[in-house]
Amino acid sequence: MLDRLPRRSRWVFPVGRLRARTHWLDSFWQKLRAEAELDDVRLHDARHSYASMALMSGETIRTIGVLLGHHTASSTLKYTHLSDSAVREALESFSPVLSGDRP
């Protein structure tokens, strides 16, 4: 969708000087958090959620790293977190192998 928008700069939402751009995003985020009553959620938390959802949807660490703009897998691993249910599901699917009861 973004590729179809006309580009006037390398920024998706150009606002001007760096200071103005940073201030605009911070102001927008503060208003959005207040409306959603998410006072303790940081904008950076969205990157962690995005990476974690991509991992649980089957994307590879390498692909997620590209999506986040990381150069190393170790950086990406800091962003990906599995839910308890995903870990439990993996354990249940692998436990027959450990117990010798392979299907």
PDB file of N, CA and C in Angstrom:
ATOM      1  N   MET A   1       0.814  -1.182   0.000  1.00  0.00           N
ATOM      2  CA  MET A   1       0.000   0.000   0.000  1.00  0.00           C
ATOM      3  C   MET A   1       0.871   1.264   0.000  1.00  0.00           C
ATOM      4  N   LEU A   2       1.924   1.260   0.833  1.00  0.00           N
ATOM      5  CA  LEU A   2       2.800   2.428   0.883  1.00  0.00           C
ATOM      6  C   LEU A   2       3.534   2.654  -0.431  1.00  0.00           C
ATOM      7  N   ASP A   3       3.830   1.557  -1.145  1.00  0.00           N
ATOM      8  CA  ASP A   3       4.532   1.695  -2.418  1.00  0.00           C
ATOM      9  C   ASP A   3       3.703   2.466  -3.449  1.00  0.00           C
ATOM     10  N   ARG A   4       2.387   2.454  -3.299  1.00  0.00           N
ATOM     11  CA  ARG A   4       1.526   3.133  -4.261  1.00  0.00           C
ATOM     12  C   ARG A   4       1.390   4.630  -3.989  1.00  0.00           C
ATOM     13  N   LEU A   5       1.824   5.078  -2.822  1.00  0.00           N
ATOM     14  CA  LEU A   5       1.727   6.507  -2.501  1.00  0.00           C
ATOM     15  C   LEU A   5       2.825   7.292  -3.207  1.00  0.00           C
ATOM     16  N   PRO A   6       2.517   8.491  -3.658  1.00  0.00           N
ATOM     17  CA  PRO A   6       3.569   9.321  -4.261  1.00  0.00           C
ATOM     18  C   PRO A   6       4.594   9.707  -3.194  1.00  0.00           C
ATOM     19  N   ARG A   7       5.853   9.722  -3.570  1.00  0.00           N
ATOM     20  CA  ARG A   7       6.930  10.038  -2.629  1.00  0.00           C
ATOM     21  C   ARG A   7       7.521  11.401  -2.917  1.00  0.00           C
ATOM     22  N   ARG A   8       7.649  12.214  -1.855  1.00  0.00           N
ATOM     23  CA  ARG A   8       8.341  13.495  -1.961  1.00  0.00           C
ATOM     24  C   ARG A   8       9.624  13.468  -1.150  1.00  0.00           C
ATOM     25  N   SER A   9       9.766  12.422  -0.323  1.00  0.00           N
ATOM     26  CA  SER A   9      10.973  12.282   0.477  1.00  0.00           C
ATOM     27  C   SER A   9      11.101  10.813   0.872  1.00  0.00           C
ATOM     28  N   ARG A  10      12.164  10.490   1.625  1.00  0.00           N
ATOM     29  CA  ARG A  10      12.339   9.104   2.041  1.00  0.00           C
ATOM     30  C   ARG A  10      11.447   8.757   3.227  1.00  0.00           C
ATOM     31  N   TRP A  11      10.815   9.757   3.854  1.00  0.00           N
ATOM     32  CA  TRP A  11       9.949   9.534   5.005  1.00  0.00           C
ATOM     33  C   TRP A  11       8.526   9.239   4.545  1.00  0.00           C
ATOM     34  N   VAL A  12       7.856   8.358   5.245  1.00  0.00           N
ATOM     35  CA  VAL A  12       6.468   8.037   4.924  1.00  0.00           C
ATOM     36  C   VAL A  12       5.572   9.232   5.222  1.00  0.00           C
ATOM     37  N   PHE A  13       5.796   9.874   6.361  1.00  0.00           N
ATOM     38  CA  PHE A  13       5.020  11.040   6.744  1.00  0.00           C
ATOM     39  C   PHE A  13       5.972  12.214   6.985  1.00  0.00           C
ATOM     40  N   PRO A  14       6.455  12.850   5.916  1.00  0.00           N
ATOM     41  CA  PRO A  14       7.415  13.939   6.095  1.00  0.00           C
ATOM     42  C   PRO A  14       6.759  15.131   6.791  1.00  0.00           C
ATOM     43  N   VAL A  15       7.485  15.722   7.751  1.00  0.00           N
ATOM     44  CA  VAL A  15       6.958  16.846   8.498  1.00  0.00           C
ATOM     45  C   VAL A  15       7.890  18.046   8.434  1.00  0.00           C
ATOM     46  N   GLY A  16       9.117  17.843   8.049  1.00  0.00           N
ATOM     47  CA  GLY A  16      10.061  18.952   8.023  1.00  0.00           C
ATOM     48  C   GLY A  16      11.344  18.565   8.712  1.00  0.00           C
ATOM     49  N   ARG A  17      11.877  19.508   9.484  1.00  0.00           N
ATOM     50  CA  ARG A  17      13.127  19.232  10.188  1.00  0.00           C
ATOM     51  C   ARG A  17      12.962  18.064  11.157  1.00  0.00           C
ATOM     52  N   LEU A  18      14.068  17.428  11.517  1.00  0.00           N
ATOM     53  CA  LEU A  18      14.057  16.264  12.393  1.00  0.00           C
ATOM     54  C   LEU A  18      13.352  16.579  13.713  1.00  0.00           C
ATOM     55  N   ARG A  19      13.632  17.720  14.292  1.00  0.00           N
ATOM     56  CA  ARG A  19      13.012  18.093  15.571  1.00  0.00           C
ATOM     57  C   ARG A  19      11.491  18.123  15.421  1.00  0.00           C
ATOM     58  N   ALA A  20      10.990  18.715  14.379  1.00  0.00           N
ATOM     59  CA  ALA A  20       9.539  18.797  14.172  1.00  0.00           C
ATOM     60  C   ALA A  20       8.965  17.401  13.973  1.00  0.00           C
ATOM     61  N   ARG A  21       9.635  16.571  13.210  1.00  0.00           N
ATOM     62  CA  ARG A  21       9.146  15.225  12.931  1.00  0.00           C
ATOM     63  C   ARG A  21       9.056  14.416  14.223  1.00  0.00           C
ATOM     64  N   THR A  22      10.071  14.473  15.057  1.00  0.00           N
ATOM     65  CA  THR A  22      10.083  13.755  16.318  1.00  0.00           C
ATOM     66  C   THR A  22       8.977  14.277  17.230  1.00  0.00           C
ATOM     67  N   HIS A  23       8.834  15.574  17.313  1.00  0.00           N
ATOM     68  CA  HIS A  23       7.807  16.167  18.164  1.00  0.00           C
ATOM     69  C   HIS A  23       6.419  15.757  17.685  1.00  0.00           C
ATOM     70  N   TRP A  24       6.188  15.772  16.389  1.00  0.00           N
ATOM     71  CA  TRP A  24       4.893  15.413  15.825  1.00  0.00           C
ATOM     72  C   TRP A  24       4.528  13.977  16.197  1.00  0.00           C
ATOM     73  N   LEU A  25       5.461  13.049  16.043  1.00  0.00           N
ATOM     74  CA  LEU A  25       5.184  11.646  16.350  1.00  0.00           C
ATOM     75  C   LEU A  25       4.922  11.463  17.838  1.00  0.00           C
ATOM     76  N   ASP A  26       5.715  12.099  18.671  1.00  0.00           N
ATOM     77  CA  ASP A  26       5.523  11.989  20.115  1.00  0.00           C
ATOM     78  C   ASP A  26       4.164  12.538  20.522  1.00  0.00           C
ATOM     79  N   SER A  27       3.801  13.673  19.979  1.00  0.00           N
ATOM     80  CA  SER A  27       2.511  14.288  20.290  1.00  0.00           C
ATOM     81  C   SER A  27       1.365  13.379  19.849  1.00  0.00           C
ATOM     82  N   PHE A  28       1.452  12.844  18.645  1.00  0.00           N
ATOM     83  CA  PHE A  28       0.434  11.933  18.124  1.00  0.00           C
ATOM     84  C   PHE A  28       0.318  10.700  19.012  1.00  0.00           C
ATOM     85  N   TRP A  29       1.453  10.114  19.399  1.00  0.00           N
ATOM     86  CA  TRP A  29       1.451   8.905  20.219  1.00  0.00           C
ATOM     87  C   TRP A  29       0.843   9.168  21.594  1.00  0.00           C
ATOM     88  N   GLN A  30       1.159  10.307  22.191  1.00  0.00           N
ATOM     89  CA  GLN A  30       0.603  10.645  23.503  1.00  0.00           C
ATOM     90  C   GLN A  30      -0.921  10.755  23.442  1.00  0.00           C
ATOM     91  N   LYS A  31      -1.438  11.378  22.392  1.00  0.00           N
ATOM     92  CA  LYS A  31      -2.890  11.512  22.232  1.00  0.00           C
ATOM     93  C   LYS A  31      -3.541  10.151  22.005  1.00  0.00           C
ATOM     94  N   LEU A  32      -2.914   9.327  21.172  1.00  0.00           N
ATOM     95  CA  LEU A  32      -3.448   7.998  20.890  1.00  0.00           C
ATOM     96  C   LEU A  32      -3.490   7.145  22.157  1.00  0.00           C
ATOM     97  N   ARG A  33      -2.410   7.162  22.934  1.00  0.00           N
ATOM     98  CA  ARG A  33      -2.357   6.409  24.197  1.00  0.00           C
ATOM     99  C   ARG A  33      -3.446   6.866  25.153  1.00  0.00           C
ATOM    100  N   ALA A  34      -3.642   8.150  25.258  1.00  0.00           N
ATOM    101  CA  ALA A  34      -4.666   8.677  26.167  1.00  0.00           C
ATOM    102  C   ALA A  34      -6.056   8.215  25.749  1.00  0.00           C
ATOM    103  N   GLU A  35      -6.352   8.305  24.439  1.00  0.00           N
ATOM    104  CA  GLU A  35      -7.659   7.870  23.935  1.00  0.00           C
ATOM    105  C   GLU A  35      -7.892   6.387  24.190  1.00  0.00           C
ATOM    106  N   ALA A  36      -6.854   5.587  24.007  1.00  0.00           N
ATOM    107  CA  ALA A  36      -6.970   4.137  24.176  1.00  0.00           C
ATOM    108  C   ALA A  36      -6.779   3.695  25.626  1.00  0.00           C
ATOM    109  N   GLU A  37      -6.501   4.646  26.501  1.00  0.00           N
ATOM    110  CA  GLU A  37      -6.247   4.361  27.916  1.00  0.00           C
ATOM    111  C   GLU A  37      -5.121   3.340  28.085  1.00  0.00           C
ATOM    112  N   LEU A  38      -4.042   3.579  27.354  1.00  0.00           N
ATOM    113  CA  LEU A  38      -2.853   2.729  27.402  1.00  0.00           C
ATOM    114  C   LEU A  38      -1.665   3.550  27.902  1.00  0.00           C
ATOM    115  N   ASP A  39      -1.795   4.075  29.091  1.00  0.00           N
ATOM    116  CA  ASP A  39      -0.803   5.001  29.626  1.00  0.00           C
ATOM    117  C   ASP A  39       0.604   4.422  29.742  1.00  0.00           C
ATOM    118  N   ASP A  40       0.718   3.113  29.933  1.00  0.00           N
ATOM    119  CA  ASP A  40       2.045   2.530  30.149  1.00  0.00           C
ATOM    120  C   ASP A  40       2.633   1.883  28.900  1.00  0.00           C
ATOM    121  N   VAL A  41       2.010   2.063  27.743  1.00  0.00           N
ATOM    122  CA  VAL A  41       2.498   1.455  26.504  1.00  0.00           C
ATOM    123  C   VAL A  41       3.370   2.445  25.748  1.00  0.00           C
ATOM    124  N   ARG A  42       4.594   1.994  25.419  1.00  0.00           N
ATOM    125  CA  ARG A  42       5.510   2.833  24.655  1.00  0.00           C
ATOM    126  C   ARG A  42       5.380   2.491  23.171  1.00  0.00           C
ATOM    127  N   LEU A  43       5.691   3.427  22.323  1.00  0.00           N
ATOM    128  CA  LEU A  43       5.656   3.185  20.885  1.00  0.00           C
ATOM    129  C   LEU A  43       6.601   2.042  20.521  1.00  0.00           C
ATOM    130  N   HIS A  44       7.721   1.972  21.215  1.00  0.00           N
ATOM    131  CA  HIS A  44       8.698   0.914  20.950  1.00  0.00           C
ATOM    132  C   HIS A  44       8.136  -0.474  21.265  1.00  0.00           C
ATOM    133  N   ASP A  45       7.168  -0.552  22.181  1.00  0.00           N
ATOM    134  CA  ASP A  45       6.533  -1.836  22.504  1.00  0.00           C
ATOM    135  C   ASP A  45       5.860  -2.442  21.271  1.00  0.00           C
ATOM    136  N   ALA A  46       5.387  -1.593  20.371  1.00  0.00           N
ATOM    137  CA  ALA A  46       4.736  -2.082  19.153  1.00  0.00           C
ATOM    138  C   ALA A  46       5.708  -2.892  18.294  1.00  0.00           C
ATOM    139  N   ARG A  47       6.982  -2.511  18.282  1.00  0.00           N
ATOM    140  CA  ARG A  47       7.984  -3.273  17.520  1.00  0.00           C
ATOM    141  C   ARG A  47       8.155  -4.674  18.096  1.00  0.00           C
ATOM    142  N   HIS A  48       8.151  -4.769  19.423  1.00  0.00           N
ATOM    143  CA  HIS A  48       8.265  -6.074  20.072  1.00  0.00           C
ATOM    144  C   HIS A  48       7.035  -6.936  19.755  1.00  0.00           C
ATOM    145  N   SER A  49       5.855  -6.340  19.839  1.00  0.00           N
ATOM    146  CA  SER A  49       4.626  -7.080  19.537  1.00  0.00           C
ATOM    147  C   SER A  49       4.616  -7.539  18.083  1.00  0.00           C
ATOM    148  N   TYR A  50       5.004  -6.651  17.185  1.00  0.00           N
ATOM    149  CA  TYR A  50       5.059  -6.973  15.750  1.00  0.00           C
ATOM    150  C   TYR A  50       5.998  -8.149  15.501  1.00  0.00           C
ATOM    151  N   ALA A  51       7.176  -8.095  16.094  1.00  0.00           N
ATOM    152  CA  ALA A  51       8.154  -9.173  15.907  1.00  0.00           C
ATOM    153  C   ALA A  51       7.656 -10.475  16.502  1.00  0.00           C
ATOM    154  N   SER A  52       7.045 -10.411  17.661  1.00  0.00           N
ATOM    155  CA  SER A  52       6.550 -11.616  18.318  1.00  0.00           C
ATOM    156  C   SER A  52       5.401 -12.247  17.539  1.00  0.00           C
ATOM    157  N   MET A  53       4.490 -11.427  17.039  1.00  0.00           N
ATOM    158  CA  MET A  53       3.373 -11.955  16.239  1.00  0.00           C
ATOM    159  C   MET A  53       3.883 -12.577  14.946  1.00  0.00           C
ATOM    160  N   ALA A  54       4.884 -11.967  14.342  1.00  0.00           N
ATOM    161  CA  ALA A  54       5.450 -12.530  13.115  1.00  0.00           C
ATOM    162  C   ALA A  54       6.090 -13.886  13.393  1.00  0.00           C
ATOM    163  N   LEU A  55       6.808 -13.996  14.509  1.00  0.00           N
ATOM    164  CA  LEU A  55       7.438 -15.269  14.876  1.00  0.00           C
ATOM    165  C   LEU A  55       6.392 -16.345  15.119  1.00  0.00           C
ATOM    166  N   MET A  56       5.343 -16.016  15.859  1.00  0.00           N
ATOM    167  CA  MET A  56       4.304 -17.002  16.157  1.00  0.00           C
ATOM    168  C   MET A  56       3.449 -17.328  14.946  1.00  0.00           C
ATOM    169  N   SER A  57       3.541 -16.496  13.904  1.00  0.00           N
ATOM    170  CA  SER A  57       2.834 -16.781  12.649  1.00  0.00           C
ATOM    171  C   SER A  57       3.682 -17.609  11.694  1.00  0.00           C
ATOM    172  N   GLY A  58       4.909 -17.936  12.125  1.00  0.00           N
ATOM    173  CA  GLY A  58       5.745 -18.812  11.323  1.00  0.00           C
ATOM    174  C   GLY A  58       6.864 -18.134  10.554  1.00  0.00           C
ATOM    175  N   GLU A  59       7.016 -16.822  10.692  1.00  0.00           N
ATOM    176  CA  GLU A  59       8.106 -16.143   9.997  1.00  0.00           C
ATOM    177  C   GLU A  59       9.438 -16.508  10.646  1.00  0.00           C
ATOM    178  N   THR A  60      10.488 -16.499   9.859  1.00  0.00           N
ATOM    179  CA  THR A  60      11.816 -16.824  10.371  1.00  0.00           C
ATOM    180  C   THR A  60      12.442 -15.602  11.042  1.00  0.00           C
ATOM    181  N   ILE A  61      13.417 -15.858  11.892  1.00  0.00           N
ATOM    182  CA  ILE A  61      14.143 -14.767  12.551  1.00  0.00           C
ATOM    183  C   ILE A  61      14.794 -13.877  11.495  1.00  0.00           C
ATOM    184  N   ARG A  62      15.315 -14.476  10.447  1.00  0.00           N
ATOM    185  CA  ARG A  62      15.963 -13.688   9.386  1.00  0.00           C
ATOM    186  C   ARG A  62      14.971 -12.741   8.706  1.00  0.00           C
ATOM    187  N   THR A  63      13.780 -13.266   8.394  1.00  0.00           N
ATOM    188  CA  THR A  63      12.763 -12.438   7.749  1.00  0.00           C
ATOM    189  C   THR A  63      12.308 -11.315   8.677  1.00  0.00           C
ATOM    190  N   ILE A  64      12.076 -11.642   9.935  1.00  0.00           N
ATOM    191  CA  ILE A  64      11.652 -10.630  10.902  1.00  0.00           C
ATOM    192  C   ILE A  64      12.732  -9.558  11.045  1.00  0.00           C
ATOM    193  N   GLY A  65      13.990  -9.983  11.058  1.00  0.00           N
ATOM    194  CA  GLY A  65      15.087  -9.025  11.127  1.00  0.00           C
ATOM    195  C   GLY A  65      15.075  -8.053   9.963  1.00  0.00           C
ATOM    196  N   VAL A  66      14.809  -8.556   8.775  1.00  0.00           N
ATOM    197  CA  VAL A  66      14.721  -7.682   7.594  1.00  0.00           C
ATOM    198  C   VAL A  66      13.558  -6.709   7.757  1.00  0.00           C
ATOM    199  N   LEU A  67      12.419  -7.206   8.220  1.00  0.00           N
ATOM    200  CA  LEU A  67      11.251  -6.346   8.414  1.00  0.00           C
ATOM    201  C   LEU A  67      11.515  -5.241   9.435  1.00  0.00           C
ATOM    202  N   LEU A  68      12.298  -5.550  10.455  1.00  0.00           N
ATOM    203  CA  LEU A  68      12.610  -4.562  11.498  1.00  0.00           C
ATOM    204  C   LEU A  68      13.821  -3.703  11.158  1.00  0.00           C
ATOM    205  N   GLY A  69      14.551  -4.073  10.110  1.00  0.00           N
ATOM    206  CA  GLY A  69      15.738  -3.315   9.729  1.00  0.00           C
ATOM    207  C   GLY A  69      16.964  -3.674  10.542  1.00  0.00           C
ATOM    208  N   HIS A  70      16.986  -4.874  11.099  1.00  0.00           N
ATOM    209  CA  HIS A  70      18.145  -5.311  11.884  1.00  0.00           C
ATOM    210  C   HIS A  70      19.200  -5.920  10.974  1.00  0.00           C
ATOM    211  N   HIS A  71      20.443  -5.822  11.404  1.00  0.00           N
ATOM    212  CA  HIS A  71      21.545  -6.397  10.642  1.00  0.00           C
ATOM    213  C   HIS A  71      22.005  -7.737  11.204  1.00  0.00           C
ATOM    214  N   THR A  72      21.636  -8.030  12.443  1.00  0.00           N
ATOM    215  CA  THR A  72      22.064  -9.286  13.056  1.00  0.00           C
ATOM    216  C   THR A  72      20.876 -10.011  13.668  1.00  0.00           C
ATOM    217  N   ALA A  73      20.967 -11.346  13.670  1.00  0.00           N
ATOM    218  CA  ALA A  73      19.916 -12.160  14.282  1.00  0.00           C
ATOM    219  C   ALA A  73      19.839 -11.908  15.784  1.00  0.00           C
ATOM    220  N   SER A  74      20.965 -11.616  16.399  1.00  0.00           N
ATOM    221  CA  SER A  74      20.952 -11.387  17.852  1.00  0.00           C
ATOM    222  C   SER A  74      20.105 -10.162  18.210  1.00  0.00           C
ATOM    223  N   SER A  75      20.109  -9.151  17.371  1.00  0.00           N
ATOM    224  CA  SER A  75      19.245  -7.992  17.616  1.00  0.00           C
ATOM    225  C   SER A  75      17.785  -8.393  17.513  1.00  0.00           C
ATOM    226  N   THR A  76      17.459  -9.161  16.492  1.00  0.00           N
ATOM    227  CA  THR A  76      16.075  -9.585  16.281  1.00  0.00           C
ATOM    228  C   THR A  76      15.597 -10.472  17.414  1.00  0.00           C
ATOM    229  N   LEU A  77      16.447 -11.335  17.916  1.00  0.00           N
ATOM    230  CA  LEU A  77      16.056 -12.232  19.005  1.00  0.00           C
ATOM    231  C   LEU A  77      15.639 -11.461  20.259  1.00  0.00           C
ATOM    232  N   LYS A  78      16.172 -10.272  20.437  1.00  0.00           N
ATOM    233  CA  LYS A  78      15.791  -9.455  21.593  1.00  0.00           C
ATOM    234  C   LYS A  78      14.365  -8.921  21.448  1.00  0.00           C
ATOM    235  N   TYR A  79      13.843  -8.909  20.237  1.00  0.00           N
ATOM    236  CA  TYR A  79      12.511  -8.378  19.960  1.00  0.00           C
ATOM    237  C   TYR A  79      11.428  -9.451  19.925  1.00  0.00           C
ATOM    238  N   THR A  80      11.807 -10.698  19.730  1.00  0.00           N
ATOM    239  CA  THR A  80      10.812 -11.763  19.582  1.00  0.00           C
ATOM    240  C   THR A  80      10.584 -12.468  20.909  1.00  0.00           C
ATOM    241  N   HIS A  81       9.326 -12.614  21.255  1.00  0.00           N
ATOM    242  CA  HIS A  81       8.935 -13.269  22.497  1.00  0.00           C
ATOM    243  C   HIS A  81       7.791 -14.221  22.189  1.00  0.00           C
ATOM    244  N   LEU A  82       7.910 -15.444  22.652  1.00  0.00           N
ATOM    245  CA  LEU A  82       6.850 -16.421  22.432  1.00  0.00           C
ATOM    246  C   LEU A  82       5.847 -16.369  23.580  1.00  0.00           C
ATOM    247  N   SER A  83       4.583 -16.554  23.254  1.00  0.00           N
ATOM    248  CA  SER A  83       3.563 -16.607  24.297  1.00  0.00           C
ATOM    249  C   SER A  83       3.681 -17.931  25.042  1.00  0.00           C
ATOM    250  N   ASP A  84       3.145 -17.979  26.242  1.00  0.00           N
ATOM    251  CA  ASP A  84       3.165 -19.219  27.022  1.00  0.00           C
ATOM    252  C   ASP A  84       2.468 -20.345  26.270  1.00  0.00           C
ATOM    253  N   SER A  85       1.355 -20.017  25.587  1.00  0.00           N
ATOM    254  CA  SER A  85       0.619 -21.056  24.858  1.00  0.00           C
ATOM    255  C   SER A  85       1.439 -21.594  23.680  1.00  0.00           C
ATOM    256  N   ALA A  86       2.222 -20.744  23.025  1.00  0.00           N
ATOM    257  CA  ALA A  86       3.062 -21.206  21.917  1.00  0.00           C
ATOM    258  C   ALA A  86       4.160 -22.132  22.426  1.00  0.00           C
ATOM    259  N   VAL A  87       4.735 -21.815  23.583  1.00  0.00           N
ATOM    260  CA  VAL A  87       5.766 -22.668  24.173  1.00  0.00           C
ATOM    261  C   VAL A  87       5.158 -24.004  24.603  1.00  0.00           C
ATOM    262  N   ARG A  88       3.981 -23.937  25.216  1.00  0.00           N
ATOM    263  CA  ARG A  88       3.294 -25.162  25.652  1.00  0.00           C
ATOM    264  C   ARG A  88       2.969 -26.059  24.456  1.00  0.00           C
ATOM    265  N   GLU A  89       2.485 -25.466  23.386  1.00  0.00           N
ATOM    266  CA  GLU A  89       2.151 -26.225  22.173  1.00  0.00           C
ATOM    267  C   GLU A  89       3.392 -26.900  21.593  1.00  0.00           C
ATOM    268  N   ALA A  90       4.496 -26.183  21.569  1.00  0.00           N
ATOM    269  CA  ALA A  90       5.743 -26.764  21.059  1.00  0.00           C
ATOM    270  C   ALA A  90       6.197 -27.914  21.938  1.00  0.00           C
ATOM    271  N   LEU A  91       6.083 -27.751  23.238  1.00  0.00           N
ATOM    272  CA  LEU A  91       6.472 -28.807  24.170  1.00  0.00           C
ATOM    273  C   LEU A  91       5.605 -30.045  23.981  1.00  0.00           C
ATOM    274  N   GLU A  92       4.311 -29.840  23.851  1.00  0.00           N
ATOM    275  CA  GLU A  92       3.395 -30.970  23.678  1.00  0.00           C
ATOM    276  C   GLU A  92       3.638 -31.703  22.363  1.00  0.00           C
ATOM    277  N   SER A  93       3.999 -30.986  21.323  1.00  0.00           N
ATOM    278  CA  SER A  93       4.248 -31.651  20.044  1.00  0.00           C
ATOM    279  C   SER A  93       5.591 -32.376  20.028  1.00  0.00           C
ATOM    280  N   PHE A  94       6.527 -31.925  20.853  1.00  0.00           N
ATOM    281  CA  PHE A  94       7.859 -32.524  20.873  1.00  0.00           C
ATOM    282  C   PHE A  94       8.031 -33.568  21.971  1.00  0.00           C
ATOM    283  N   SER A  95       7.185 -33.563  22.988  1.00  0.00           N
ATOM    284  CA  SER A  95       7.367 -34.486  24.120  1.00  0.00           C
ATOM    285  C   SER A  95       7.294 -35.951  23.730  1.00  0.00           C
ATOM    286  N   PRO A  96       6.487 -36.370  22.737  1.00  0.00           N
ATOM    287  CA  PRO A  96       6.513 -37.787  22.357  1.00  0.00           C
ATOM    288  C   PRO A  96       7.883 -38.238  21.846  1.00  0.00           C
ATOM    289  N   VAL A  97       8.601 -37.371  21.206  1.00  0.00           N
ATOM    290  CA  VAL A  97       9.932 -37.690  20.709  1.00  0.00           C
ATOM    291  C   VAL A  97      10.866 -37.927  21.891  1.00  0.00           C
ATOM    292  N   LEU A  98      10.758 -37.072  22.905  1.00  0.00           N
ATOM    293  CA  LEU A  98      11.612 -37.209  24.086  1.00  0.00           C
ATOM    294  C   LEU A  98      11.311 -38.468  24.892  1.00  0.00           C
ATOM    295  N   SER A  99      10.039 -38.851  24.925  1.00  0.00           N
ATOM    296  CA  SER A  99       9.662 -40.025  25.716  1.00  0.00           C
ATOM    297  C   SER A  99       9.797 -41.323  24.940  1.00  0.00           C
ATOM    298  N   GLY A 100      10.115 -41.222  23.672  1.00  0.00           N
ATOM    299  CA  GLY A 100      10.277 -42.425  22.836  1.00  0.00           C
ATOM    300  C   GLY A 100       8.969 -42.911  22.237  1.00  0.00           C
ATOM    301  N   ASP A 101       7.908 -42.157  22.405  1.00  0.00           N
ATOM    302  CA  ASP A 101       6.598 -42.529  21.854  1.00  0.00           C
ATOM    303  C   ASP A 101       6.339 -41.818  20.536  1.00  0.00           C
ATOM    304  N   ARG A 102       7.259 -41.923  19.622  1.00  0.00           N
ATOM    305  CA  ARG A 102       7.101 -41.250  18.328  1.00  0.00           C
ATOM    306  C   ARG A 102       5.870 -41.787  17.616  1.00  0.00           C
ATOM    307  N   PRO A 103       5.168 -40.908  16.951  1.00  0.00           N
ATOM    308  CA  PRO A 103       3.998 -41.343  16.163  1.00  0.00           C
ATOM    309  C   PRO A 103       4.413 -42.129  14.925  1.00  0.00           C
TER     310      PRO A 103
END
